[in-house]
N, C-alpha and C. Protein backbone atom coordinates (compact mmCIF):
# COMPACT_ATOMS: atom_id res chain seq x y z
N MET A 1 1.23 -65.52 -80.21
CA MET A 1 2.38 -66.36 -79.95
C MET A 1 2.91 -66.06 -78.55
N THR A 2 3.11 -67.08 -77.76
CA THR A 2 3.62 -66.88 -76.41
C THR A 2 5.14 -66.94 -76.39
N LYS A 3 5.71 -66.19 -75.47
CA LYS A 3 7.17 -66.19 -75.31
C LYS A 3 7.58 -67.45 -74.56
N PRO A 4 8.71 -68.04 -74.93
CA PRO A 4 9.19 -69.18 -74.17
C PRO A 4 9.62 -68.74 -72.77
N ARG A 5 9.38 -69.56 -71.78
CA ARG A 5 9.75 -69.23 -70.41
C ARG A 5 11.13 -69.76 -70.10
N PHE A 6 11.90 -68.97 -69.41
CA PHE A 6 13.21 -69.40 -68.94
C PHE A 6 13.05 -70.22 -67.68
N ASN A 7 13.92 -71.19 -67.51
CA ASN A 7 14.02 -71.82 -66.20
C ASN A 7 15.23 -71.20 -65.52
N LYS A 8 15.48 -71.55 -64.26
CA LYS A 8 16.59 -70.93 -63.52
C LYS A 8 17.93 -71.14 -64.20
N GLY A 9 18.16 -72.31 -64.76
CA GLY A 9 19.42 -72.57 -65.44
C GLY A 9 19.59 -71.70 -66.67
N ASP A 10 18.51 -71.54 -67.44
CA ASP A 10 18.56 -70.67 -68.62
C ASP A 10 18.84 -69.23 -68.21
N ALA A 11 18.17 -68.78 -67.16
CA ALA A 11 18.35 -67.41 -66.69
C ALA A 11 19.78 -67.19 -66.23
N ALA A 12 20.35 -68.15 -65.52
CA ALA A 12 21.73 -68.03 -65.03
C ALA A 12 22.70 -67.94 -66.21
N ASP A 13 22.49 -68.76 -67.22
CA ASP A 13 23.34 -68.72 -68.42
C ASP A 13 23.20 -67.38 -69.13
N ALA A 14 21.98 -66.90 -69.27
CA ALA A 14 21.74 -65.62 -69.93
C ALA A 14 22.39 -64.49 -69.15
N MET A 15 22.27 -64.54 -67.84
CA MET A 15 22.88 -63.49 -67.00
C MET A 15 24.39 -63.46 -67.16
N GLN A 16 25.02 -64.62 -67.24
CA GLN A 16 26.47 -64.67 -67.42
C GLN A 16 26.87 -64.07 -68.78
N MET A 17 26.11 -64.37 -69.81
CA MET A 17 26.40 -63.82 -71.14
C MET A 17 26.22 -62.29 -71.13
N ILE A 18 25.14 -61.83 -70.52
CA ILE A 18 24.89 -60.38 -70.44
C ILE A 18 26.01 -59.70 -69.66
N ALA A 19 26.44 -60.32 -68.56
CA ALA A 19 27.51 -59.74 -67.74
C ALA A 19 28.81 -59.62 -68.52
N THR A 20 29.13 -60.63 -69.28
CA THR A 20 30.35 -60.60 -70.09
C THR A 20 30.31 -59.46 -71.10
N VAL A 21 29.17 -59.33 -71.78
CA VAL A 21 29.02 -58.26 -72.78
C VAL A 21 29.04 -56.89 -72.10
N LEU A 22 28.29 -56.74 -71.01
CA LEU A 22 28.21 -55.46 -70.31
C LEU A 22 29.58 -55.02 -69.79
N ASP A 23 30.32 -55.94 -69.21
CA ASP A 23 31.65 -55.61 -68.72
C ASP A 23 32.56 -55.18 -69.87
N GLY A 24 32.44 -55.87 -71.00
CA GLY A 24 33.23 -55.51 -72.16
C GLY A 24 32.89 -54.12 -72.70
N VAL A 25 31.63 -53.76 -72.64
CA VAL A 25 31.20 -52.44 -73.12
C VAL A 25 31.65 -51.35 -72.14
N LEU A 26 31.39 -51.56 -70.86
CA LEU A 26 31.72 -50.54 -69.85
C LEU A 26 33.21 -50.34 -69.67
N ASN A 27 33.96 -51.42 -69.77
CA ASN A 27 35.39 -51.37 -69.47
C ASN A 27 36.25 -51.71 -70.68
N LYS A 28 35.75 -51.37 -71.86
CA LYS A 28 36.40 -51.74 -73.12
C LYS A 28 37.87 -51.35 -73.18
N ASP A 29 38.18 -50.10 -72.89
CA ASP A 29 39.55 -49.61 -73.00
C ASP A 29 40.16 -49.28 -71.64
N ILE A 30 39.63 -49.90 -70.60
CA ILE A 30 40.09 -49.58 -69.24
C ILE A 30 40.64 -50.84 -68.60
N SER A 31 41.93 -50.86 -68.38
CA SER A 31 42.56 -52.08 -67.87
C SER A 31 42.23 -52.35 -66.41
N ASP A 32 41.87 -51.32 -65.64
CA ASP A 32 41.61 -51.53 -64.22
C ASP A 32 40.15 -51.85 -63.90
N GLY A 33 39.29 -51.99 -64.92
CA GLY A 33 37.89 -52.30 -64.67
C GLY A 33 37.22 -51.23 -63.83
N LYS A 34 37.35 -49.99 -64.24
CA LYS A 34 36.86 -48.84 -63.47
C LYS A 34 35.37 -48.92 -63.14
N TYR A 35 34.58 -49.43 -64.06
CA TYR A 35 33.13 -49.43 -63.88
C TYR A 35 32.64 -50.79 -63.39
N GLY A 36 31.93 -50.73 -62.29
CA GLY A 36 31.33 -51.95 -61.75
C GLY A 36 29.85 -51.97 -62.04
N PHE A 37 29.28 -53.16 -61.99
CA PHE A 37 27.84 -53.29 -62.17
C PHE A 37 27.34 -54.52 -61.43
N VAL A 38 26.06 -54.51 -61.20
CA VAL A 38 25.36 -55.69 -60.69
C VAL A 38 24.04 -55.78 -61.47
N LEU A 39 23.74 -56.97 -61.93
CA LEU A 39 22.50 -57.24 -62.64
C LEU A 39 21.63 -58.09 -61.73
N LEU A 40 20.47 -57.58 -61.39
CA LEU A 40 19.51 -58.32 -60.55
C LEU A 40 18.40 -58.86 -61.44
N VAL A 41 18.06 -60.12 -61.25
CA VAL A 41 16.99 -60.75 -62.02
C VAL A 41 16.09 -61.48 -61.03
N PHE A 42 14.78 -61.25 -61.17
CA PHE A 42 13.83 -61.91 -60.27
C PHE A 42 12.52 -62.14 -61.00
N GLU A 43 11.79 -63.12 -60.51
CA GLU A 43 10.45 -63.36 -61.03
C GLU A 43 9.51 -62.38 -60.36
N ARG A 44 8.75 -61.69 -61.15
CA ARG A 44 7.85 -60.68 -60.58
C ARG A 44 6.87 -61.28 -59.59
N GLU A 45 6.46 -62.49 -59.83
CA GLU A 45 5.49 -63.14 -58.95
C GLU A 45 6.15 -64.23 -58.12
N GLY A 46 7.47 -64.20 -58.03
CA GLY A 46 8.20 -65.23 -57.30
C GLY A 46 8.00 -65.15 -55.80
N GLU A 47 8.40 -66.20 -55.14
CA GLU A 47 8.28 -66.28 -53.69
C GLU A 47 9.29 -65.34 -53.04
N THR A 48 8.82 -64.51 -52.11
CA THR A 48 9.68 -63.55 -51.43
C THR A 48 10.81 -64.27 -50.70
N GLY A 49 12.00 -63.74 -50.83
CA GLY A 49 13.15 -64.30 -50.13
C GLY A 49 13.96 -65.28 -50.94
N SER A 50 13.42 -65.77 -52.03
CA SER A 50 14.17 -66.75 -52.82
C SER A 50 14.05 -66.45 -54.31
N ARG A 51 13.74 -65.21 -54.65
CA ARG A 51 13.44 -64.94 -56.04
C ARG A 51 14.46 -64.10 -56.78
N THR A 52 15.47 -63.55 -56.11
CA THR A 52 16.40 -62.65 -56.78
C THR A 52 17.75 -63.33 -57.00
N SER A 53 18.22 -63.26 -58.23
CA SER A 53 19.55 -63.74 -58.58
C SER A 53 20.36 -62.54 -59.04
N TYR A 54 21.68 -62.62 -58.89
CA TYR A 54 22.49 -61.51 -59.37
C TYR A 54 23.78 -62.01 -59.96
N VAL A 55 24.36 -61.16 -60.82
CA VAL A 55 25.68 -61.38 -61.37
C VAL A 55 26.36 -60.01 -61.37
N SER A 56 27.66 -59.99 -61.12
CA SER A 56 28.38 -58.74 -61.01
C SER A 56 29.83 -58.91 -61.42
N ASN A 57 30.48 -57.81 -61.69
CA ASN A 57 31.91 -57.84 -61.94
C ASN A 57 32.68 -57.28 -60.74
N CYS A 58 32.00 -57.18 -59.59
CA CYS A 58 32.58 -56.60 -58.38
C CYS A 58 32.64 -57.63 -57.25
N GLN A 59 33.36 -57.25 -56.22
CA GLN A 59 33.37 -58.05 -55.01
C GLN A 59 32.01 -57.90 -54.31
N ARG A 60 31.64 -58.91 -53.55
CA ARG A 60 30.33 -58.90 -52.90
C ARG A 60 30.13 -57.67 -52.01
N GLN A 61 31.16 -57.28 -51.26
CA GLN A 61 31.02 -56.12 -50.37
C GLN A 61 30.77 -54.83 -51.16
N ASP A 62 31.30 -54.74 -52.38
CA ASP A 62 31.04 -53.57 -53.22
C ASP A 62 29.60 -53.58 -53.72
N VAL A 63 29.08 -54.75 -54.03
CA VAL A 63 27.69 -54.87 -54.46
C VAL A 63 26.76 -54.47 -53.32
N ILE A 64 27.06 -54.94 -52.11
CA ILE A 64 26.24 -54.60 -50.94
C ILE A 64 26.24 -53.09 -50.72
N ALA A 65 27.40 -52.46 -50.82
CA ALA A 65 27.48 -51.00 -50.65
C ALA A 65 26.65 -50.29 -51.71
N ALA A 66 26.74 -50.74 -52.96
CA ALA A 66 25.98 -50.12 -54.04
C ALA A 66 24.47 -50.29 -53.83
N LEU A 67 24.07 -51.49 -53.40
CA LEU A 67 22.65 -51.72 -53.16
C LEU A 67 22.12 -50.87 -52.00
N LYS A 68 22.93 -50.70 -50.96
CA LYS A 68 22.53 -49.83 -49.84
C LYS A 68 22.37 -48.39 -50.32
N GLU A 69 23.28 -47.93 -51.17
CA GLU A 69 23.20 -46.58 -51.70
C GLU A 69 21.93 -46.39 -52.52
N VAL A 70 21.65 -47.34 -53.40
CA VAL A 70 20.46 -47.24 -54.25
C VAL A 70 19.19 -47.35 -53.41
N THR A 71 19.18 -48.23 -52.42
CA THR A 71 18.01 -48.37 -51.56
C THR A 71 17.73 -47.08 -50.81
N ALA A 72 18.78 -46.46 -50.27
CA ALA A 72 18.60 -45.19 -49.56
C ALA A 72 18.06 -44.13 -50.50
N ARG A 73 18.56 -44.11 -51.72
CA ARG A 73 18.09 -43.14 -52.71
C ARG A 73 16.62 -43.39 -53.04
N PHE A 74 16.25 -44.66 -53.27
CA PHE A 74 14.86 -45.00 -53.58
C PHE A 74 13.94 -44.64 -52.41
N GLU A 75 14.36 -44.97 -51.20
CA GLU A 75 13.51 -44.72 -50.04
C GLU A 75 13.37 -43.25 -49.73
N GLY A 76 14.29 -42.42 -50.19
CA GLY A 76 14.22 -40.99 -49.97
C GLY A 76 13.40 -40.26 -51.01
N GLN A 77 13.00 -40.98 -52.06
CA GLN A 77 12.22 -40.35 -53.13
C GLN A 77 10.73 -40.50 -52.85
N PRO A 78 9.96 -39.55 -53.34
CA PRO A 78 8.50 -39.71 -53.19
C PRO A 78 8.01 -40.92 -53.97
N ARG A 79 6.97 -41.52 -53.48
CA ARG A 79 6.41 -42.70 -54.14
C ARG A 79 5.84 -42.32 -55.50
N THR A 80 6.15 -43.13 -56.50
CA THR A 80 5.63 -42.89 -57.84
C THR A 80 4.94 -44.14 -58.35
N GLU A 81 4.11 -43.95 -59.32
CA GLU A 81 3.42 -45.07 -59.96
C GLU A 81 4.02 -45.34 -61.32
N GLY A 82 3.83 -46.55 -61.81
CA GLY A 82 4.28 -46.88 -63.16
C GLY A 82 5.57 -47.64 -63.18
N HIS A 83 6.10 -47.80 -64.36
CA HIS A 83 7.32 -48.56 -64.59
C HIS A 83 8.37 -47.65 -65.21
N ALA A 84 9.62 -47.92 -64.86
CA ALA A 84 10.70 -47.11 -65.43
C ALA A 84 11.49 -47.93 -66.42
C-alpha cells in the first residue's frame, strides 16, 4: 500500500496544525510563550532554493538567529553518516 502524497497546500495546513499543537504543548502553562520553535519541511528531492517551508511561533529575526546557531553547531561537528 502506498502512502498518499501531500501537495503544498496539504503540507501548509498540516504544518499549521502541528504548530498549534506544539505551541500548546511547549507553552501550556506559560503565559509569556517562553519556548519558541520553528518547523522546517522540505521535499528531500525538491529543487534547491524553493523546497523549504517553515512555520514558527517566533518573530522572523528570532528564527534566523536560531537557524544560524544550529548551522554553526552542525558545521562544527564532524561529518556523520545516517539519519537522526
